[in-house]
């Protein structure tokens, strides 16, 4: 029998120097903070070119400051709780491994709520935040200096579900999409999941595909019928 499984991700969100920064920030808010960051294909490693790093971080932090944390059934709430206290402890422990400057909302919350925050990791690509699926409203932002470095950093993981790239260079968008070792690549978009799009990853991010015209293949068997004439 067939099998279809999806195992999570460590999704890179790459912002190149030609990107529309406002559009990239809007895409990051969607890719990172929806469902309090608890999505298998949520942006996990935000990689930004040196030349636009400061501008991107400033604009992202401004948007993050406007998020309201609380019961998702209340009006005006944009970030709800983590799934349980265990998830809260996991994210809190992970944050404790970083000594980088953090921009966060000033209001404090207790389990299972985590204040959305931006962590300015710069060129530190060895922090545990870089190698761990966060699964919470934490946006670590790293810098890179070349396209080759961005692709190398993005592929430096055993996962390969989804990647995001923001660029206004069409040739670069095709070139980088081909080089990224991911089952799905969003170009200038913060979310691409749809019943029409095949959903699935490479490497340790799953087996098979869901949705789209290929989504049924894992549950079918091929048969050859040959007639002698």
Protein backbone atom coordinates (compact mmCIF):
# COMPACT_ATOMS: atom_id res chain seq x y z
CA UNK A 1 0.00 0.00 0.00
CA UNK A 2 1.04 3.61 -0.50
CA UNK A 3 2.11 6.05 2.16
CA UNK A 4 1.96 9.82 2.43
CA UNK A 5 3.66 11.59 5.34
CA UNK A 6 4.94 15.09 6.14
CA UNK A 7 7.54 15.69 8.82
CA UNK A 8 8.06 19.43 9.30
CA UNK A 9 10.64 21.88 8.04
CA UNK A 10 13.29 24.51 8.70
CA UNK A 11 12.05 26.88 6.02
CA UNK A 12 14.33 29.65 4.72
CA UNK A 13 12.85 33.04 3.84
CA UNK A 14 15.36 34.75 1.53
CA UNK A 15 15.27 38.49 0.82
CA UNK A 16 17.63 39.57 -1.97
CA UNK A 17 18.87 43.13 -2.51
CA UNK A 18 16.46 43.74 -5.41
CA UNK A 19 13.40 42.75 -3.38
CA UNK A 20 10.46 45.05 -2.75
CA UNK A 21 11.10 45.36 0.99
CA UNK A 22 7.54 46.32 1.92
CA UNK A 23 6.24 43.29 0.05
CA UNK A 24 8.87 41.08 1.63
CA UNK A 25 7.93 42.27 5.13
CA UNK A 26 4.24 41.64 4.43
CA UNK A 27 5.09 38.16 3.15
CA UNK A 28 7.20 37.47 6.21
CA UNK A 29 4.41 38.45 8.57
CA UNK A 30 2.17 35.90 6.89
CA UNK A 31 4.79 33.18 6.53
CA UNK A 32 6.14 33.52 10.07
CA UNK A 33 3.35 34.65 12.41
CA UNK A 34 0.19 32.93 11.19
CA UNK A 35 -1.12 30.54 13.82
CA UNK A 36 1.53 31.94 16.22
CA UNK A 37 4.25 30.43 14.05
CA UNK A 38 2.86 26.92 14.49
CA UNK A 39 2.82 25.77 10.89
CA UNK A 40 4.92 23.03 9.34
CA UNK A 41 5.93 25.31 6.48
CA UNK A 42 6.27 28.53 8.50
CA UNK A 43 9.32 30.68 7.75
CA UNK A 44 11.99 29.66 10.24
CA UNK A 45 15.27 31.21 9.04
CA UNK A 46 14.93 34.70 7.61
CA UNK A 47 17.96 35.38 5.41
CA UNK A 48 18.39 38.99 4.30
CA UNK A 49 21.07 40.53 2.07
CA UNK A 50 23.54 42.80 3.88
CA UNK A 51 22.53 45.85 1.87
CA UNK A 52 18.87 45.74 2.96
CA UNK A 53 19.24 44.03 6.34
CA UNK A 54 18.71 47.11 8.53
CA UNK A 55 15.76 48.37 6.50
CA UNK A 56 14.07 44.98 6.56
CA UNK A 57 14.55 44.48 10.31
CA UNK A 58 13.25 47.97 11.11
CA UNK A 59 10.10 47.53 9.04
CA UNK A 60 9.50 44.00 10.29
CA UNK A 61 9.87 45.11 13.92
CA UNK A 62 7.35 47.90 13.32
CA UNK A 63 4.80 45.38 12.07
CA UNK A 64 5.53 42.95 14.92
CA UNK A 65 4.93 45.67 17.51
CA UNK A 66 1.37 46.00 16.21
CA UNK A 67 0.50 42.35 16.86
CA UNK A 68 -1.89 41.68 19.73
CA UNK A 69 -1.48 38.51 21.76
CA UNK A 70 -4.34 36.77 23.52
CA UNK A 71 -7.36 34.52 23.20
CA UNK A 72 -7.99 34.03 19.52
CA UNK A 73 -11.74 34.26 20.09
CA UNK A 74 -11.41 37.87 21.27
CA UNK A 75 -11.69 40.78 18.83
CA UNK A 76 -8.46 42.26 17.55
CA UNK A 77 -6.22 39.36 18.55
CA UNK A 78 -3.66 38.41 15.92
CA UNK A 79 -1.43 35.93 17.83
CA UNK A 80 -2.96 33.19 19.95
CA UNK A 81 -1.39 30.69 22.34
CA UNK A 82 1.04 27.89 21.66
CA UNK A 83 -0.57 24.48 21.63
CA UNK A 84 0.32 23.70 25.27
CA UNK A 85 2.71 24.48 28.14
CA UNK A 86 5.23 21.97 26.82
CA UNK A 87 5.48 23.93 23.56
CA UNK A 88 5.87 27.13 25.58
CA UNK A 89 8.79 25.66 27.54
CA UNK A 90 10.41 24.42 24.36
CA UNK A 91 10.32 27.84 22.68
CA UNK A 92 11.43 29.59 25.89
CA UNK A 93 14.39 27.23 26.24
CA UNK A 94 15.36 27.81 22.62
CA UNK A 95 15.24 31.58 23.12
CA UNK A 96 17.49 31.16 26.13
CA UNK A 97 20.26 29.82 23.89
CA UNK A 98 20.50 33.13 22.01
CA UNK A 99 22.32 36.23 23.24
CA UNK A 100 21.45 38.32 20.20
CA UNK A 101 19.58 41.62 20.32
CA UNK A 102 15.86 40.96 20.39
CA UNK A 103 13.07 43.32 19.42
CA UNK A 104 9.83 42.30 21.08
CA UNK A 105 6.56 43.66 22.34
CA UNK A 106 6.88 45.20 25.81
CA UNK A 107 3.88 43.34 27.23
CA UNK A 108 4.73 40.07 28.95
CA UNK A 109 2.79 36.84 28.76
CA UNK A 110 2.76 33.57 30.62
CA UNK A 111 2.37 30.04 29.31
CA UNK A 112 1.11 29.17 26.76
CA UNK A 113 1.45 32.67 25.23
CA UNK A 114 4.75 33.88 23.70
CA UNK A 115 5.30 37.52 22.77
CA UNK A 116 6.15 37.88 19.06
CA UNK A 117 9.73 38.96 18.55
CA UNK A 118 12.47 39.63 16.01
CA UNK A 119 15.93 38.26 16.86
CA UNK A 120 18.81 40.01 15.09
CA UNK A 121 21.23 37.12 14.53
CA UNK A 122 23.32 38.81 11.84
CA UNK A 123 26.03 36.53 10.50
CA UNK A 124 25.73 33.95 13.31
CA UNK A 125 24.59 30.88 11.41
CA UNK A 126 25.62 28.46 14.16
CA UNK A 127 23.05 29.47 16.80
CA UNK A 128 20.57 26.72 17.76
CA UNK A 129 17.83 28.96 16.36
CA UNK A 130 19.29 28.39 12.90
CA UNK A 131 19.18 24.60 13.09
CA UNK A 132 15.90 24.04 14.97
CA UNK A 133 12.28 24.26 13.86
CA UNK A 134 11.03 26.97 16.25
CA UNK A 135 7.27 26.46 15.94
CA UNK A 136 6.48 29.75 17.65
CA UNK A 137 6.18 33.51 16.95
CA UNK A 138 9.94 34.09 16.87
CA UNK A 139 11.59 35.56 13.77
CA UNK A 140 15.39 35.19 13.71
CA UNK A 141 16.91 37.36 10.97
CA UNK A 142 20.32 36.45 9.49
CA UNK A 143 22.50 38.25 6.97
CA UNK A 144 24.20 37.04 3.80
CA UNK A 145 26.40 38.74 1.21
CA UNK A 146 25.92 36.77 -2.01
CA UNK A 147 23.42 34.60 -3.84
CA UNK A 148 25.72 31.61 -3.49
CA UNK A 149 25.90 32.07 0.29
CA UNK A 150 22.12 32.43 0.56
CA UNK A 151 21.54 29.17 -1.29
CA UNK A 152 24.20 27.37 0.75
CA UNK A 153 22.67 28.56 4.02
CA UNK A 154 19.15 27.73 2.90
CA UNK A 155 20.13 24.17 1.95
CA UNK A 156 22.11 23.63 5.16
CA UNK A 157 19.43 21.52 6.82
CA UNK A 158 18.15 17.97 6.69
CA UNK A 159 14.68 19.31 5.93
CA UNK A 160 13.26 20.48 2.63
CA UNK A 161 9.54 21.27 2.72
CA UNK A 162 9.20 24.89 1.60
CA UNK A 163 11.38 27.91 0.86
CA UNK A 164 10.48 31.55 0.24
CA UNK A 165 12.42 33.98 -1.94
CA UNK A 166 11.83 37.67 -2.56
CA UNK A 167 13.50 39.28 -5.55
CA UNK A 168 12.57 41.48 -8.50
CA UNK A 169 15.20 39.80 -10.67
CA UNK A 170 13.29 37.24 -12.74
CA UNK A 171 16.41 35.35 -13.83
CA UNK A 172 17.50 35.10 -10.19
CA UNK A 173 14.10 33.80 -9.12
CA UNK A 174 14.32 30.90 -11.59
CA UNK A 175 17.98 30.22 -10.89
CA UNK A 176 17.62 30.14 -7.10
CA UNK A 177 14.36 28.15 -7.24
CA UNK A 178 16.21 25.44 -9.18
CA UNK A 179 19.10 25.39 -6.68
CA UNK A 180 16.97 25.22 -3.52
CA UNK A 181 16.52 21.67 -2.21
CA UNK A 182 12.85 22.05 -1.32
CA UNK A 183 9.63 20.52 -2.53
CA UNK A 184 7.91 23.91 -2.71
CA UNK A 185 9.27 27.39 -3.43
CA UNK A 186 7.23 30.57 -3.00
CA UNK A 187 8.48 33.51 -5.07
CA UNK A 188 7.36 36.91 -3.75
CA UNK A 189 4.54 35.21 -1.83
CA UNK A 190 4.07 34.49 1.87
CA UNK A 191 1.71 31.53 1.44
CA UNK A 192 1.12 29.13 -1.45
CA UNK A 193 -0.81 26.26 0.13
CA UNK A 194 -3.89 25.42 -1.90
CA UNK A 195 -5.97 22.39 -2.81
CA UNK A 196 -4.69 22.91 -6.36
CA UNK A 197 -1.00 22.82 -5.44
CA UNK A 198 0.87 19.59 -4.64
CA UNK A 199 2.09 19.87 -1.03
CA UNK A 200 5.17 17.96 0.09
CA UNK A 201 8.89 18.11 0.69
CA UNK A 202 12.33 16.75 -0.09
CA UNK A 203 14.92 15.10 2.14
CA UNK A 204 13.51 14.44 5.65
CA UNK A 205 10.43 16.61 5.18
CA UNK A 206 8.14 13.87 4.05
CA UNK A 207 7.12 11.19 1.61
CA UNK A 208 4.74 11.77 -1.28
CA UNK A 209 2.44 14.70 -1.99
CA UNK A 210 -0.95 15.94 -0.86
CA UNK A 211 -3.43 17.89 -3.01
CA UNK A 212 -3.03 18.89 -6.62
CA UNK A 213 -3.34 16.43 -9.47
CA UNK A 214 -0.51 14.31 -8.04
CA UNK A 215 -2.01 14.09 -4.54
CA UNK A 216 -3.97 10.93 -5.33
CA UNK A 217 -0.99 9.02 -6.75
CA UNK A 218 0.15 7.68 -3.37
CA UNK A 219 -3.20 5.93 -3.02
CA UNK A 220 -3.36 4.37 -6.48
CA UNK A 221 -1.74 1.37 -8.11
CA UNK A 222 -0.46 1.30 -11.69
CA UNK A 223 -1.56 -1.51 -13.94
CA UNK A 224 -0.40 -2.59 -17.38
CA UNK A 225 -2.86 -4.41 -19.63
CA UNK A 226 -1.22 -5.79 -22.78
CA UNK A 227 -3.29 -7.26 -25.65
CA UNK A 228 -1.80 -9.70 -28.09
CA UNK A 229 -2.94 -8.93 -31.64
